[in-house]
All heavy atoms as atom14 arrays in JSON, in Angstrom:
{
  "sequence": "AAPARLFSVSRMGWYRQTPGKQRELVATITRLGATVYGEFVEGRFTI",
  "atom14_mask": [
    [1, 1, 1, 1, 1, 0, 0, 0, 0, 0, 0, 0, 0, 0],
    [1, 1, 1, 1, 1, 0, 0, 0, 0, 0, 0, 0, 0, 0],
    [1, 1, 1, 1, 1, 1, 1, 0, 0, 0, 0, 0, 0, 0],
    [1, 1, 1, 1, 1, 0, 0, 0, 0, 0, 0, 0, 0, 0],
    [1, 1, 1, 1, 1, 1, 1, 1, 1, 1, 1, 0, 0, 0],
    [1, 1, 1, 1, 1, 1, 1, 1, 0, 0, 0, 0, 0, 0],
    [1, 1, 1, 1, 1, 1, 1, 1, 1, 1, 1, 0, 0, 0],
    [1, 1, 1, 1, 1, 1, 0, 0, 0, 0, 0, 0, 0, 0],
    [1, 1, 1, 1, 1, 1, 1, 0, 0, 0, 0, 0, 0, 0],
    [1, 1, 1, 1, 1, 1, 0, 0, 0, 0, 0, 0, 0, 0],
    [1, 1, 1, 1, 1, 1, 1, 1, 1, 1, 1, 0, 0, 0],
    [1, 1, 1, 1, 1, 1, 1, 1, 0, 0, 0, 0, 0, 0],
    [1, 1, 1, 1, 0, 0, 0, 0, 0, 0, 0, 0, 0, 0],
    [1, 1, 1, 1, 1, 1, 1, 1, 1, 1, 1, 1, 1, 1],
    [1, 1, 1, 1, 1, 1, 1, 1, 1, 1, 1, 1, 0, 0],
    [1, 1, 1, 1, 1, 1, 1, 1, 1, 1, 1, 0, 0, 0],
    [1, 1, 1, 1, 1, 1, 1, 1, 1, 0, 0, 0, 0, 0],
    [1, 1, 1, 1, 1, 1, 1, 0, 0, 0, 0, 0, 0, 0],
    [1, 1, 1, 1, 1, 1, 1, 0, 0, 0, 0, 0, 0, 0],
    [1, 1, 1, 1, 0, 0, 0, 0, 0, 0, 0, 0, 0, 0],
    [1, 1, 1, 1, 1, 1, 1, 1, 1, 0, 0, 0, 0, 0],
    [1, 1, 1, 1, 1, 1, 1, 1, 1, 0, 0, 0, 0, 0],
    [1, 1, 1, 1, 1, 1, 1, 1, 1, 1, 1, 0, 0, 0],
    [1, 1, 1, 1, 1, 1, 1, 1, 1, 0, 0, 0, 0, 0],
    [1, 1, 1, 1, 1, 1, 1, 1, 0, 0, 0, 0, 0, 0],
    [1, 1, 1, 1, 1, 1, 1, 0, 0, 0, 0, 0, 0, 0],
    [1, 1, 1, 1, 1, 0, 0, 0, 0, 0, 0, 0, 0, 0],
    [1, 1, 1, 1, 1, 1, 1, 0, 0, 0, 0, 0, 0, 0],
    [1, 1, 1, 1, 1, 1, 1, 1, 0, 0, 0, 0, 0, 0],
    [1, 1, 1, 1, 1, 1, 1, 0, 0, 0, 0, 0, 0, 0],
    [1, 1, 1, 1, 1, 1, 1, 1, 1, 1, 1, 0, 0, 0],
    [1, 1, 1, 1, 1, 1, 1, 1, 0, 0, 0, 0, 0, 0],
    [1, 1, 1, 1, 0, 0, 0, 0, 0, 0, 0, 0, 0, 0],
    [1, 1, 1, 1, 1, 0, 0, 0, 0, 0, 0, 0, 0, 0],
    [1, 1, 1, 1, 1, 1, 1, 0, 0, 0, 0, 0, 0, 0],
    [1, 1, 1, 1, 1, 1, 1, 0, 0, 0, 0, 0, 0, 0],
    [1, 1, 1, 1, 1, 1, 1, 1, 1, 1, 1, 1, 0, 0],
    [1, 1, 1, 1, 0, 0, 0, 0, 0, 0, 0, 0, 0, 0],
    [1, 1, 1, 1, 1, 1, 1, 1, 1, 0, 0, 0, 0, 0],
    [1, 1, 1, 1, 1, 1, 1, 1, 1, 1, 1, 0, 0, 0],
    [1, 1, 1, 1, 1, 1, 1, 0, 0, 0, 0, 0, 0, 0],
    [1, 1, 1, 1, 1, 1, 1, 1, 1, 0, 0, 0, 0, 0],
    [1, 1, 1, 1, 0, 0, 0, 0, 0, 0, 0, 0, 0, 0],
    [1, 1, 1, 1, 1, 1, 1, 1, 1, 1, 1, 0, 0, 0],
    [1, 1, 1, 1, 1, 1, 1, 1, 1, 1, 1, 0, 0, 0],
    [1, 1, 1, 1, 1, 1, 1, 0, 0, 0, 0, 0, 0, 0],
    [1, 1, 1, 1, 1, 1, 1, 1, 0, 0, 0, 0, 0, 0]
  ],
  "atom14_positions": [
    [[9.12, -3.36, 7.07], [8.83, -2.84, 5.72], [7.91, -3.89, 5.0], [8.28, -5.06, 5.03], [10.07, -2.52, 4.94], [0.0, 0.0, 0.0], [0.0, 0.0, 0.0], [0.0, 0.0, 0.0], [0.0, 0.0, 0.0], [0.0, 0.0, 0.0], [0.0, 0.0, 0.0], [0.0, 0.0, 0.0], [0.0, 0.0, 0.0], [0.0, 0.0, 0.0]],
    [[6.93, -3.38, 4.36], [5.95, -4.26, 3.69], [5.89, -3.88, 2.18], [6.22, -2.73, 1.87], [4.58, -4.19, 4.34], [0.0, 0.0, 0.0], [0.0, 0.0, 0.0], [0.0, 0.0, 0.0], [0.0, 0.0, 0.0], [0.0, 0.0, 0.0], [0.0, 0.0, 0.0], [0.0, 0.0, 0.0], [0.0, 0.0, 0.0], [0.0, 0.0, 0.0]],
    [[5.41, -4.73, 1.38], [5.21, -4.4, -0.01], [4.2, -3.23, -0.2], [3.15, -3.24, 0.44], [4.62, -5.66, -0.68], [5.07, -6.77, 0.23], [5.1, -6.18, 1.62], [0.0, 0.0, 0.0], [0.0, 0.0, 0.0], [0.0, 0.0, 0.0], [0.0, 0.0, 0.0], [0.0, 0.0, 0.0], [0.0, 0.0, 0.0], [0.0, 0.0, 0.0]],
    [[4.57, -2.29, -1.02], [3.74, -1.09, -1.16], [2.3, -1.38, -1.55], [1.36, -0.76, -1.08], [4.39, -0.15, -2.17], [0.0, 0.0, 0.0], [0.0, 0.0, 0.0], [0.0, 0.0, 0.0], [0.0, 0.0, 0.0], [0.0, 0.0, 0.0], [0.0, 0.0, 0.0], [0.0, 0.0, 0.0], [0.0, 0.0, 0.0], [0.0, 0.0, 0.0]],
    [[2.17, -2.39, -2.43], [0.8, -2.7, -2.96], [-0.16, -3.19, -1.84], [-1.35, -3.16, -2.02], [0.93, -3.76, -4.05], [1.49, -5.06, -3.61], [1.64, -6.06, -4.71], [2.37, -7.3, -4.29], [1.8, -8.3, -3.7], [0.5, -8.27, -3.45], [2.55, -9.32, -3.28], [0.0, 0.0, 0.0], [0.0, 0.0, 0.0], [0.0, 0.0, 0.0]],
    [[0.41, -3.7, -0.77], [-0.37, -4.21, 0.34], [-0.41, -3.32, 1.56], [-1.42, -3.28, 2.3], [0.1, -5.59, 0.78], [-0.11, -6.73, -0.21], [0.52, -8.0, 0.36], [-1.6, -6.92, -0.47], [0.0, 0.0, 0.0], [0.0, 0.0, 0.0], [0.0, 0.0, 0.0], [0.0, 0.0, 0.0], [0.0, 0.0, 0.0], [0.0, 0.0, 0.0]],
    [[0.59, -2.57, 1.76], [0.76, -1.82, 3.01], [-0.45, -0.89, 3.26], [-0.98, -0.83, 4.36], [2.04, -1.01, 3.0], [2.32, -0.23, 4.27], [2.78, -0.84, 5.38], [1.99, 1.11, 4.33], [2.96, -0.2, 6.57], [2.22, 1.81, 5.52], [2.71, 1.17, 6.65], [0.0, 0.0, 0.0], [0.0, 0.0, 0.0], [0.0, 0.0, 0.0]],
    [[-0.81, -0.12, 2.25], [-1.87, 0.94, 2.45], [-3.23, 0.35, 2.64], [-4.14, 1.07, 3.12], [-1.87, 1.89, 1.28], [-2.21, 1.19, 0.09], [0.0, 0.0, 0.0], [0.0, 0.0, 0.0], [0.0, 0.0, 0.0], [0.0, 0.0, 0.0], [0.0, 0.0, 0.0], [0.0, 0.0, 0.0], [0.0, 0.0, 0.0], [0.0, 0.0, 0.0]],
    [[-3.45, -0.89, 2.33], [-4.78, -1.48, 2.44], [-4.88, -2.59, 3.5], [-5.87, -3.28, 3.59], [-5.25, -2.07, 1.07], [-5.4, -0.96, 0.03], [-4.31, -3.15, 0.57], [0.0, 0.0, 0.0], [0.0, 0.0, 0.0], [0.0, 0.0, 0.0], [0.0, 0.0, 0.0], [0.0, 0.0, 0.0], [0.0, 0.0, 0.0], [0.0, 0.0, 0.0]],
    [[-3.87, -2.78, 4.29], [-3.81, -3.83, 5.23], [-3.66, -3.31, 6.68], [-3.11, -2.24, 6.91], [-2.63, -4.77, 4.94], [-2.69, -5.3, 3.65], [0.0, 0.0, 0.0], [0.0, 0.0, 0.0], [0.0, 0.0, 0.0], [0.0, 0.0, 0.0], [0.0, 0.0, 0.0], [0.0, 0.0, 0.0], [0.0, 0.0, 0.0], [0.0, 0.0, 0.0]],
    [[-4.12, -4.16, 7.58], [-3.83, -3.92, 8.99], [-2.42, -4.45, 9.29], [-2.07, -5.53, 8.86], [-4.82, -4.67, 9.89], [-4.75, -4.3, 11.39], [-5.41, -5.3, 12.21], [-4.65, -6.5, 12.43], [-4.98, -7.48, 13.18], [-6.12, -7.46, 13.87], [-4.16, -8.57, 13.32], [0.0, 0.0, 0.0], [0.0, 0.0, 0.0], [0.0, 0.0, 0.0]],
    [[-1.68, -3.71, 10.03], [-0.31, -4.09, 10.38], [-0.2, -4.3, 11.9], [-1.01, -3.67, 12.65], [0.68, -3.02, 9.95], [0.72, -2.71, 8.51], [1.23, -4.11, 7.45], [2.91, -4.43, 8.1], [0.0, 0.0, 0.0], [0.0, 0.0, 0.0], [0.0, 0.0, 0.0], [0.0, 0.0, 0.0], [0.0, 0.0, 0.0], [0.0, 0.0, 0.0]],
    [[0.73, -5.15, 12.3], [0.78, -5.39, 13.76], [2.07, -6.02, 14.19], [2.89, -6.39, 13.32], [0.0, 0.0, 0.0], [0.0, 0.0, 0.0], [0.0, 0.0, 0.0], [0.0, 0.0, 0.0], [0.0, 0.0, 0.0], [0.0, 0.0, 0.0], [0.0, 0.0, 0.0], [0.0, 0.0, 0.0], [0.0, 0.0, 0.0], [0.0, 0.0, 0.0]],
    [[2.28, -6.13, 15.45], [3.41, -6.82, 16.05], [2.86, -7.78, 17.1], [1.97, -7.48, 17.85], [4.32, -5.83, 16.76], [5.11, -4.95, 15.81], [4.73, -3.68, 15.41], [6.33, -5.27, 15.2], [5.67, -3.23, 14.54], [6.71, -4.13, 14.38], [7.19, -6.35, 15.24], [7.86, -4.1, 13.65], [8.38, -6.26, 14.44], [8.7, -5.19, 13.68]],
    [[3.49, -9.01, 17.05], [3.17, -10.02, 17.99], [4.51, -10.48, 18.57], [5.55, -10.21, 18.03], [2.46, -11.2, 17.36], [1.04, -10.92, 16.91], [0.79, -10.06, 15.83], [-0.02, -11.45, 17.62], [-0.5, -9.75, 15.43], [-1.35, -11.15, 17.22], [-1.53, -10.31, 16.16], [-2.87, -10.01, 15.76], [0.0, 0.0, 0.0], [0.0, 0.0, 0.0]],
    [[4.48, -11.19, 19.72], [5.71, -11.71, 20.23], [5.55, -13.1, 20.78], [4.4, -13.52, 21.1], [6.2, -10.78, 21.36], [5.42, -10.76, 22.63], [5.95, -9.75, 23.61], [5.35, -9.89, 24.92], [5.57, -9.05, 25.96], [6.47, -8.09, 25.81], [5.01, -9.26, 27.11], [0.0, 0.0, 0.0], [0.0, 0.0, 0.0], [0.0, 0.0, 0.0]],
    [[6.65, -13.79, 20.91], [6.61, -15.2, 21.35], [7.84, -15.52, 22.11], [8.95, -15.16, 21.72], [6.44, -16.12, 20.16], [6.09, -17.59, 20.51], [5.73, -18.39, 19.29], [6.04, -18.07, 18.18], [4.98, -19.45, 19.54], [0.0, 0.0, 0.0], [0.0, 0.0, 0.0], [0.0, 0.0, 0.0], [0.0, 0.0, 0.0], [0.0, 0.0, 0.0]],
    [[7.62, -16.33, 23.21], [8.76, -16.81, 23.99], [8.62, -18.34, 23.91], [7.49, -18.87, 23.73], [8.73, -16.35, 25.47], [7.44, -16.62, 26.0], [8.98, -14.81, 25.5], [0.0, 0.0, 0.0], [0.0, 0.0, 0.0], [0.0, 0.0, 0.0], [0.0, 0.0, 0.0], [0.0, 0.0, 0.0], [0.0, 0.0, 0.0], [0.0, 0.0, 0.0]],
    [[9.7, -19.07, 24.16], [9.69, -20.51, 24.11], [8.62, -21.11, 25.03], [8.49, -20.75, 26.16], [11.08, -20.93, 24.58], [11.91, -19.73, 24.15], [11.07, -18.59, 24.39], [0.0, 0.0, 0.0], [0.0, 0.0, 0.0], [0.0, 0.0, 0.0], [0.0, 0.0, 0.0], [0.0, 0.0, 0.0], [0.0, 0.0, 0.0], [0.0, 0.0, 0.0]],
    [[7.85, -22.06, 24.47], [6.82, -22.72, 25.23], [5.5, -21.99, 25.38], [4.6, -22.47, 26.04], [0.0, 0.0, 0.0], [0.0, 0.0, 0.0], [0.0, 0.0, 0.0], [0.0, 0.0, 0.0], [0.0, 0.0, 0.0], [0.0, 0.0, 0.0], [0.0, 0.0, 0.0], [0.0, 0.0, 0.0], [0.0, 0.0, 0.0], [0.0, 0.0, 0.0]],
    [[5.46, -20.75, 24.81], [4.24, -19.96, 24.95], [3.66, -19.69, 23.56], [4.35, -19.66, 22.59], [4.49, -18.72, 25.7], [4.88, -18.86, 27.16], [4.96, -17.52, 27.86], [5.25, -17.7, 29.35], [5.3, -16.42, 30.05], [0.0, 0.0, 0.0], [0.0, 0.0, 0.0], [0.0, 0.0, 0.0], [0.0, 0.0, 0.0], [0.0, 0.0, 0.0]],
    [[2.38, -19.38, 23.58], [1.72, -18.97, 22.33], [2.09, -17.57, 21.95], [2.48, -16.76, 22.79], [0.18, -19.06, 22.5], [-0.38, -20.48, 22.54], [-1.85, -20.53, 22.42], [-2.55, -19.49, 22.77], [-2.4, -21.59, 21.99], [0.0, 0.0, 0.0], [0.0, 0.0, 0.0], [0.0, 0.0, 0.0], [0.0, 0.0, 0.0], [0.0, 0.0, 0.0]],
    [[2.07, -17.31, 20.65], [2.34, -15.99, 20.19], [1.24, -15.02, 20.72], [0.06, -15.41, 20.64], [2.35, -15.98, 18.65], [2.96, -14.76, 18.02], [3.19, -14.96, 16.48], [4.21, -16.04, 16.28], [4.69, -16.29, 15.04], [4.23, -15.62, 14.02], [5.61, -17.21, 14.89], [0.0, 0.0, 0.0], [0.0, 0.0, 0.0], [0.0, 0.0, 0.0]],
    [[1.61, -13.88, 21.18], [0.61, -12.97, 21.75], [0.68, -11.59, 21.06], [1.72, -11.13, 20.58], [0.87, -12.79, 23.28], [2.15, -12.12, 23.64], [2.29, -11.93, 25.15], [1.27, -12.03, 25.91], [3.36, -11.62, 25.63], [0.0, 0.0, 0.0], [0.0, 0.0, 0.0], [0.0, 0.0, 0.0], [0.0, 0.0, 0.0], [0.0, 0.0, 0.0]],
    [[-0.46, -10.95, 21.11], [-0.59, -9.64, 20.5], [0.22, -8.61, 21.28], [0.12, -8.47, 22.49], [-2.07, -9.19, 20.5], [-2.36, -7.74, 20.16], [-2.07, -7.43, 18.69], [-3.77, -7.36, 20.54], [0.0, 0.0, 0.0], [0.0, 0.0, 0.0], [0.0, 0.0, 0.0], [0.0, 0.0, 0.0], [0.0, 0.0, 0.0], [0.0, 0.0, 0.0]],
    [[0.98, -7.81, 20.54], [1.64, -6.62, 21.13], [0.83, -5.39, 20.78], [0.45, -4.65, 21.6], [3.12, -6.51, 20.68], [3.73, -5.26, 21.27], [3.89, -7.75, 21.02], [0.0, 0.0, 0.0], [0.0, 0.0, 0.0], [0.0, 0.0, 0.0], [0.0, 0.0, 0.0], [0.0, 0.0, 0.0], [0.0, 0.0, 0.0], [0.0, 0.0, 0.0]],
    [[0.67, -5.18, 19.43], [-0.05, -4.04, 18.97], [-0.45, -4.19, 17.55], [0.27, -4.83, 16.8], [0.78, -2.76, 19.15], [0.0, 0.0, 0.0], [0.0, 0.0, 0.0], [0.0, 0.0, 0.0], [0.0, 0.0, 0.0], [0.0, 0.0, 0.0], [0.0, 0.0, 0.0], [0.0, 0.0, 0.0], [0.0, 0.0, 0.0], [0.0, 0.0, 0.0]],
    [[-1.56, -3.62, 17.17], [-2.02, -3.58, 15.76], [-2.46, -2.16, 15.42], [-2.85, -1.37, 16.26], [-3.12, -4.56, 15.48], [-4.28, -4.15, 16.25], [-2.76, -6.02, 15.75], [0.0, 0.0, 0.0], [0.0, 0.0, 0.0], [0.0, 0.0, 0.0], [0.0, 0.0, 0.0], [0.0, 0.0, 0.0], [0.0, 0.0, 0.0], [0.0, 0.0, 0.0]],
    [[-2.4, -1.86, 14.12], [-2.84, -0.57, 13.66], [-3.51, -0.74, 12.27], [-2.95, -1.44, 11.39], [-1.66, 0.45, 13.55], [-2.15, 1.82, 13.12], [-0.51, -0.06, 12.65], [-1.1, 2.92, 13.3], [0.0, 0.0, 0.0], [0.0, 0.0, 0.0], [0.0, 0.0, 0.0], [0.0, 0.0, 0.0], [0.0, 0.0, 0.0], [0.0, 0.0, 0.0]],
    [[-4.71, -0.24, 12.14], [-5.41, -0.35, 10.86], [-4.93, 0.66, 9.88], [-4.12, 1.54, 10.22], [-6.97, -0.17, 11.1], [-7.16, 1.23, 11.46], [-7.49, -1.05, 12.22], [0.0, 0.0, 0.0], [0.0, 0.0, 0.0], [0.0, 0.0, 0.0], [0.0, 0.0, 0.0], [0.0, 0.0, 0.0], [0.0, 0.0, 0.0], [0.0, 0.0, 0.0]],
    [[-5.42, 0.55, 8.66], [-5.02, 1.49, 7.64], [-5.48, 2.87, 7.92], [-4.89, 3.84, 7.39], [-5.5, 1.03, 6.22], [-7.02, 0.9, 6.14], [-7.38, 0.28, 4.81], [-8.81, 0.16, 4.68], [-9.59, 1.13, 4.12], [-9.03, 2.24, 3.64], [-10.89, 0.97, 4.03], [0.0, 0.0, 0.0], [0.0, 0.0, 0.0], [0.0, 0.0, 0.0]],
    [[-6.47, 3.02, 8.79], [-6.96, 4.33, 9.19], [-6.35, 4.8, 10.46], [-6.71, 5.89, 10.92], [-8.52, 4.28, 9.3], [-9.23, 3.97, 8.02], [-10.78, 3.96, 8.27], [-8.94, 4.93, 6.92], [0.0, 0.0, 0.0], [0.0, 0.0, 0.0], [0.0, 0.0, 0.0], [0.0, 0.0, 0.0], [0.0, 0.0, 0.0], [0.0, 0.0, 0.0]],
    [[-5.49, 4.0, 11.04], [-4.76, 4.49, 12.24], [-5.32, 4.03, 13.54], [-4.78, 4.45, 14.58], [0.0, 0.0, 0.0], [0.0, 0.0, 0.0], [0.0, 0.0, 0.0], [0.0, 0.0, 0.0], [0.0, 0.0, 0.0], [0.0, 0.0, 0.0], [0.0, 0.0, 0.0], [0.0, 0.0, 0.0], [0.0, 0.0, 0.0], [0.0, 0.0, 0.0]],
    [[-6.36, 3.26, 13.55], [-6.91, 2.76, 14.85], [-5.96, 1.69, 15.41], [-5.47, 0.83, 14.72], [-8.27, 2.18, 14.65], [0.0, 0.0, 0.0], [0.0, 0.0, 0.0], [0.0, 0.0, 0.0], [0.0, 0.0, 0.0], [0.0, 0.0, 0.0], [0.0, 0.0, 0.0], [0.0, 0.0, 0.0], [0.0, 0.0, 0.0], [0.0, 0.0, 0.0]],
    [[-5.69, 1.81, 16.71], [-4.7, 0.93, 17.38], [-5.26, 0.12, 18.44], [-6.3, 0.48, 19.09], [-3.54, 1.76, 17.95], [-4.07, 2.75, 18.89], [-2.79, 2.54, 16.86], [0.0, 0.0, 0.0], [0.0, 0.0, 0.0], [0.0, 0.0, 0.0], [0.0, 0.0, 0.0], [0.0, 0.0, 0.0], [0.0, 0.0, 0.0], [0.0, 0.0, 0.0]],
    [[-4.69, -1.06, 18.63], [-5.02, -1.96, 19.74], [-3.69, -2.43, 20.34], [-2.74, -2.76, 19.62], [-5.86, -3.18, 19.24], [-6.03, -4.19, 20.37], [-7.21, -2.75, 18.68], [0.0, 0.0, 0.0], [0.0, 0.0, 0.0], [0.0, 0.0, 0.0], [0.0, 0.0, 0.0], [0.0, 0.0, 0.0], [0.0, 0.0, 0.0], [0.0, 0.0, 0.0]],
    [[-3.66, -2.51, 21.66], [-2.46, -2.93, 22.39], [-2.76, -4.08, 23.3], [-3.87, -4.19, 23.86], [-1.87, -1.76, 23.17], [-1.32, -0.65, 22.34], [-2.11, 0.45, 22.04], [0.02, -0.66, 21.86], [-1.59, 1.5, 21.27], [0.55, 0.33, 21.1], [-0.3, 1.45, 20.78], [0.19, 2.43, 20.03], [0.0, 0.0, 0.0], [0.0, 0.0, 0.0]],
    [[-1.76, -4.92, 23.49], [-1.88, -5.97, 24.51], [-1.95, -5.31, 25.89], [-1.39, -4.24, 26.15], [0.0, 0.0, 0.0], [0.0, 0.0, 0.0], [0.0, 0.0, 0.0], [0.0, 0.0, 0.0], [0.0, 0.0, 0.0], [0.0, 0.0, 0.0], [0.0, 0.0, 0.0], [0.0, 0.0, 0.0], [0.0, 0.0, 0.0], [0.0, 0.0, 0.0]],
    [[-2.6, -6.05, 26.79], [-2.75, -5.47, 28.18], [-1.46, -5.17, 28.83], [-1.34, -4.27, 29.63], [-3.62, -6.46, 28.99], [-5.09, -6.48, 28.61], [-5.9, -7.32, 29.57], [-5.31, -7.77, 30.53], [-7.12, -7.47, 29.33], [0.0, 0.0, 0.0], [0.0, 0.0, 0.0], [0.0, 0.0, 0.0], [0.0, 0.0, 0.0], [0.0, 0.0, 0.0]],
    [[-0.45, -5.99, 28.59], [0.84, -5.81, 29.26], [1.57, -4.53, 28.81], [2.52, -4.13, 29.46], [1.72, -6.99, 28.99], [2.11, -7.21, 27.53], [3.15, -6.55, 27.03], [1.32, -7.99, 26.71], [3.49, -6.7, 25.66], [1.62, -8.12, 25.39], [2.68, -7.46, 24.8], [0.0, 0.0, 0.0], [0.0, 0.0, 0.0], [0.0, 0.0, 0.0]],
    [[1.15, -3.96, 27.73], [1.86, -2.79, 27.23], [1.8, -1.63, 28.17], [2.77, -0.92, 28.44], [1.29, -2.38, 25.86], [1.89, -1.02, 25.39], [1.66, -3.46, 24.83], [0.0, 0.0, 0.0], [0.0, 0.0, 0.0], [0.0, 0.0, 0.0], [0.0, 0.0, 0.0], [0.0, 0.0, 0.0], [0.0, 0.0, 0.0], [0.0, 0.0, 0.0]],
    [[0.64, -1.38, 28.74], [0.46, -0.38, 29.79], [1.02, 0.99, 29.4], [1.71, 1.62, 30.25], [1.04, -0.89, 31.13], [0.41, -2.13, 31.64], [1.07, -2.72, 32.88], [2.31, -2.53, 32.98], [0.37, -3.32, 33.71], [0.0, 0.0, 0.0], [0.0, 0.0, 0.0], [0.0, 0.0, 0.0], [0.0, 0.0, 0.0], [0.0, 0.0, 0.0]],
    [[0.83, 1.43, 28.17], [1.27, 2.73, 27.75], [2.73, 2.88, 27.41], [3.21, 3.94, 27.07], [0.0, 0.0, 0.0], [0.0, 0.0, 0.0], [0.0, 0.0, 0.0], [0.0, 0.0, 0.0], [0.0, 0.0, 0.0], [0.0, 0.0, 0.0], [0.0, 0.0, 0.0], [0.0, 0.0, 0.0], [0.0, 0.0, 0.0], [0.0, 0.0, 0.0]],
    [[3.47, 1.8, 27.44], [4.92, 1.86, 27.2], [5.28, 1.82, 25.71], [6.4, 2.27, 25.32], [5.61, 0.7, 27.91], [5.43, 0.72, 29.4], [6.08, -0.47, 30.08], [5.52, -1.74, 29.65], [6.24, -2.77, 29.22], [7.57, -2.66, 29.12], [5.64, -3.87, 28.8], [0.0, 0.0, 0.0], [0.0, 0.0, 0.0], [0.0, 0.0, 0.0]],
    [[4.43, 1.21, 24.89], [4.76, 1.01, 23.49], [3.85, 1.86, 22.59], [2.67, 2.12, 22.98], [4.56, -0.47, 23.07], [5.44, -1.42, 23.82], [5.2, -2.81, 23.55], [6.42, -1.07, 24.69], [6.03, -3.76, 24.23], [7.18, -1.98, 25.38], [7.0, -3.33, 25.14], [0.0, 0.0, 0.0], [0.0, 0.0, 0.0], [0.0, 0.0, 0.0]],
    [[4.37, 2.25, 21.45], [3.52, 3.0, 20.49], [3.76, 2.41, 19.09], [4.87, 2.28, 18.65], [3.9, 4.47, 20.48], [3.74, 5.03, 21.76], [2.99, 5.25, 19.48], [0.0, 0.0, 0.0], [0.0, 0.0, 0.0], [0.0, 0.0, 0.0], [0.0, 0.0, 0.0], [0.0, 0.0, 0.0], [0.0, 0.0, 0.0], [0.0, 0.0, 0.0]],
    [[2.66, 2.04, 18.43], [2.73, 1.54, 17.07], [2.35, 2.68, 16.14], [1.45, 3.48, 16.45], [1.83, 0.31, 16.85], [2.11, -0.33, 15.5], [0.35, 0.65, 17.04], [1.47, -1.67, 15.29], [0.0, 0.0, 0.0], [0.0, 0.0, 0.0], [0.0, 0.0, 0.0], [0.0, 0.0, 0.0], [0.0, 0.0, 0.0], [0.0, 0.0, 0.0]]
  ]
}
């Protein structure tokens, strides 16, 4: 959940991190609904 004043005008996303590794992209979605997924997702996740 995000603040209403920002949610509608911002890109939202999920990243993940494991110990010793850099944070990596899981998925993002623009305010218009365009999505990008990390390569490892392989159709398993939906934002």
